[in-house]
Amino acid sequence: MSEDREPVVDTSAAAYVYVQVADHVAWQIRVGRLQPGARLAGERDLAQEYGVSVATARRAVQELRERGLVLTLPAKGTFVAGPGSGGG
């Protein structure tokens, strides 16, 4: 994936869709569209935005957590990780 080009989420592609969604959100973080501390959309909203199931959106957020790019705070939401938070 090129650092310059925005990744495309293709739900008909062979690659796991949750990885494509996570890659797209990660790209937004990398290019500064999502800043440290920014709140991510909820799983239902992400699912609607990307045209995927809520389960797929949930798995994409889990992937982002595993990459250290976001932190989920119970009852508060999921936020872009910043320096010193393990994600940047």
C-alpha atoms as a PDB file:
ATOM      1  CA  MET A   1       0.000   0.000   0.000  1.00  0.00           C
ATOM      2  CA  SER A   2       1.398   3.369  -0.994  1.00  0.00           C
ATOM      3  CA  GLU A   3       1.755   5.893   1.826  1.00  0.00           C
ATOM      4  CA  ASP A   4       0.472   8.678  -0.458  1.00  0.00           C
ATOM      5  CA  ARG A   5      -2.653   7.093  -1.900  1.00  0.00           C
ATOM      6  CA  GLU A   6      -5.846   6.629   0.033  1.00  0.00           C
ATOM      7  CA  PRO A   7      -6.613   2.899   0.367  1.00  0.00           C
ATOM      8  CA  VAL A   8      -9.843   1.657  -1.153  1.00  0.00           C
ATOM      9  CA  VAL A   9     -12.193  -0.673   0.711  1.00  0.00           C
ATOM     10  CA  ASP A  10     -13.447  -3.265  -1.779  1.00  0.00           C
ATOM     11  CA  THR A  11     -15.923  -5.604  -0.109  1.00  0.00           C
ATOM     12  CA  SER A  12     -15.736  -7.953  -3.118  1.00  0.00           C
ATOM     13  CA  ALA A  13     -11.947  -8.354  -2.879  1.00  0.00           C
ATOM     14  CA  ALA A  14     -10.294 -11.527  -1.637  1.00  0.00           C
ATOM     15  CA  ALA A  15      -8.513  -9.725   1.221  1.00  0.00           C
ATOM     16  CA  TYR A  16     -10.238  -9.674   4.579  1.00  0.00           C
ATOM     17  CA  VAL A  17     -12.577  -6.701   4.617  1.00  0.00           C
ATOM     18  CA  TYR A  18     -11.828  -5.877   8.250  1.00  0.00           C
ATOM     19  CA  VAL A  19      -8.151  -5.485   7.337  1.00  0.00           C
ATOM     20  CA  GLN A  20      -9.098  -3.128   4.498  1.00  0.00           C
ATOM     21  CA  VAL A  21     -11.219  -1.026   6.866  1.00  0.00           C
ATOM     22  CA  ALA A  22      -8.431  -0.982   9.466  1.00  0.00           C
ATOM     23  CA  ASP A  23      -5.905  -0.030   6.766  1.00  0.00           C
ATOM     24  CA  HIS A  24      -8.111   2.865   5.670  1.00  0.00           C
ATOM     25  CA  VAL A  25      -8.509   4.192   9.210  1.00  0.00           C
ATOM     26  CA  ALA A  26      -4.756   3.706   9.805  1.00  0.00           C
ATOM     27  CA  TRP A  27      -4.076   5.715   6.652  1.00  0.00           C
ATOM     28  CA  GLN A  28      -6.305   8.513   7.969  1.00  0.00           C
ATOM     29  CA  ILE A  29      -4.238   8.535  11.165  1.00  0.00           C
ATOM     30  CA  ARG A  30      -0.951   8.504   9.232  1.00  0.00           C
ATOM     31  CA  VAL A  31      -1.855  11.454   6.997  1.00  0.00           C
ATOM     32  CA  GLY A  32      -3.281  13.487   9.877  1.00  0.00           C
ATOM     33  CA  ARG A  33      -6.985  13.298   9.084  1.00  0.00           C
ATOM     34  CA  LEU A  34      -7.402  11.695  12.501  1.00  0.00           C
ATOM     35  CA  GLN A  35      -5.264  13.335  15.177  1.00  0.00           C
ATOM     36  CA  PRO A  36      -4.156  11.803  18.500  1.00  0.00           C
ATOM     37  CA  GLY A  37      -7.041  11.997  20.934  1.00  0.00           C
ATOM     38  CA  ALA A  38      -9.683  12.117  18.187  1.00  0.00           C
ATOM     39  CA  ARG A  39     -12.698   9.931  18.852  1.00  0.00           C
ATOM     40  CA  LEU A  40     -13.436   7.292  16.216  1.00  0.00           C
ATOM     41  CA  ALA A  41     -16.972   6.813  15.022  1.00  0.00           C
ATOM     42  CA  GLY A  42     -18.869   4.070  16.840  1.00  0.00           C
ATOM     43  CA  GLU A  43     -18.920   0.570  15.394  1.00  0.00           C
ATOM     44  CA  ARG A  44     -22.418   0.989  13.942  1.00  0.00           C
ATOM     45  CA  ASP A  45     -21.408   4.256  12.294  1.00  0.00           C
ATOM     46  CA  LEU A  46     -18.191   2.721  10.930  1.00  0.00           C
ATOM     47  CA  ALA A  47     -20.185  -0.221   9.581  1.00  0.00           C
ATOM     48  CA  GLN A  48     -22.563   2.139   7.800  1.00  0.00           C
ATOM     49  CA  GLU A  49     -19.740   4.343   6.492  1.00  0.00           C
ATOM     50  CA  TYR A  50     -17.849   1.402   4.987  1.00  0.00           C
ATOM     51  CA  GLY A  51     -20.883  -0.662   3.975  1.00  0.00           C
ATOM     52  CA  VAL A  52     -19.896  -3.610   6.162  1.00  0.00           C
ATOM     53  CA  SER A  53     -21.460  -5.510   9.049  1.00  0.00           C
ATOM     54  CA  VAL A  54     -21.103  -4.316  12.627  1.00  0.00           C
ATOM     55  CA  ALA A  55     -19.066  -7.480  13.321  1.00  0.00           C
ATOM     56  CA  THR A  56     -16.628  -6.498  10.563  1.00  0.00           C
ATOM     57  CA  ALA A  57     -16.348  -2.955  11.926  1.00  0.00           C
ATOM     58  CA  ARG A  58     -15.781  -4.357  15.424  1.00  0.00           C
ATOM     59  CA  ARG A  59     -12.997  -6.616  14.122  1.00  0.00           C
ATOM     60  CA  ALA A  60     -11.415  -3.652  12.292  1.00  0.00           C
ATOM     61  CA  VAL A  61     -11.333  -1.656  15.545  1.00  0.00           C
ATOM     62  CA  GLN A  62      -9.807  -4.671  17.293  1.00  0.00           C
ATOM     63  CA  GLU A  63      -7.141  -4.788  14.569  1.00  0.00           C
ATOM     64  CA  LEU A  64      -6.392  -1.091  15.114  1.00  0.00           C
ATOM     65  CA  ARG A  65      -6.051  -1.731  18.878  1.00  0.00           C
ATOM     66  CA  GLU A  66      -3.675  -4.625  18.172  1.00  0.00           C
ATOM     67  CA  ARG A  67      -1.587  -2.304  15.974  1.00  0.00           C
ATOM     68  CA  GLY A  68      -1.474   0.190  18.854  1.00  0.00           C
ATOM     69  CA  LEU A  69      -3.180   2.905  16.815  1.00  0.00           C
ATOM     70  CA  VAL A  70      -6.291   3.323  18.951  1.00  0.00           C
ATOM     71  CA  LEU A  71      -7.367   2.904  22.553  1.00  0.00           C
ATOM     72  CA  THR A  72     -10.853   1.903  23.643  1.00  0.00           C
ATOM     73  CA  LEU A  73     -12.100   3.289  26.944  1.00  0.00           C
ATOM     74  CA  PRO A  74     -15.159   1.485  28.325  1.00  0.00           C
ATOM     75  CA  ALA A  75     -18.313   3.622  28.202  1.00  0.00           C
ATOM     76  CA  LYS A  76     -16.341   6.462  26.535  1.00  0.00           C
ATOM     77  CA  GLY A  77     -15.386   5.270  23.061  1.00  0.00           C
ATOM     78  CA  THR A  78     -12.361   4.559  20.907  1.00  0.00           C
ATOM     79  CA  PHE A  79      -9.704   7.213  20.445  1.00  0.00           C
ATOM     80  CA  VAL A  80      -6.617   7.660  18.299  1.00  0.00           C
ATOM     81  CA  ALA A  81      -3.599   6.821  20.419  1.00  0.00           C
ATOM     82  CA  GLY A  82      -1.004   9.475  21.004  1.00  0.00           C
ATOM     83  CA  PRO A  83       2.612   9.614  22.103  1.00  0.00           C
ATOM     84  CA  GLY A  84       3.162   7.813  25.384  1.00  0.00           C
ATOM     85  CA  SER A  85      -0.073   5.838  25.083  1.00  0.00           C
ATOM     86  CA  GLY A  86       1.527   2.861  23.398  1.00  0.00           C
ATOM     87  CA  GLY A  87       0.302   3.883  19.976  1.00  0.00           C
ATOM     88  CA  GLY A  88       2.582   6.526  18.722  1.00  0.00           C
END
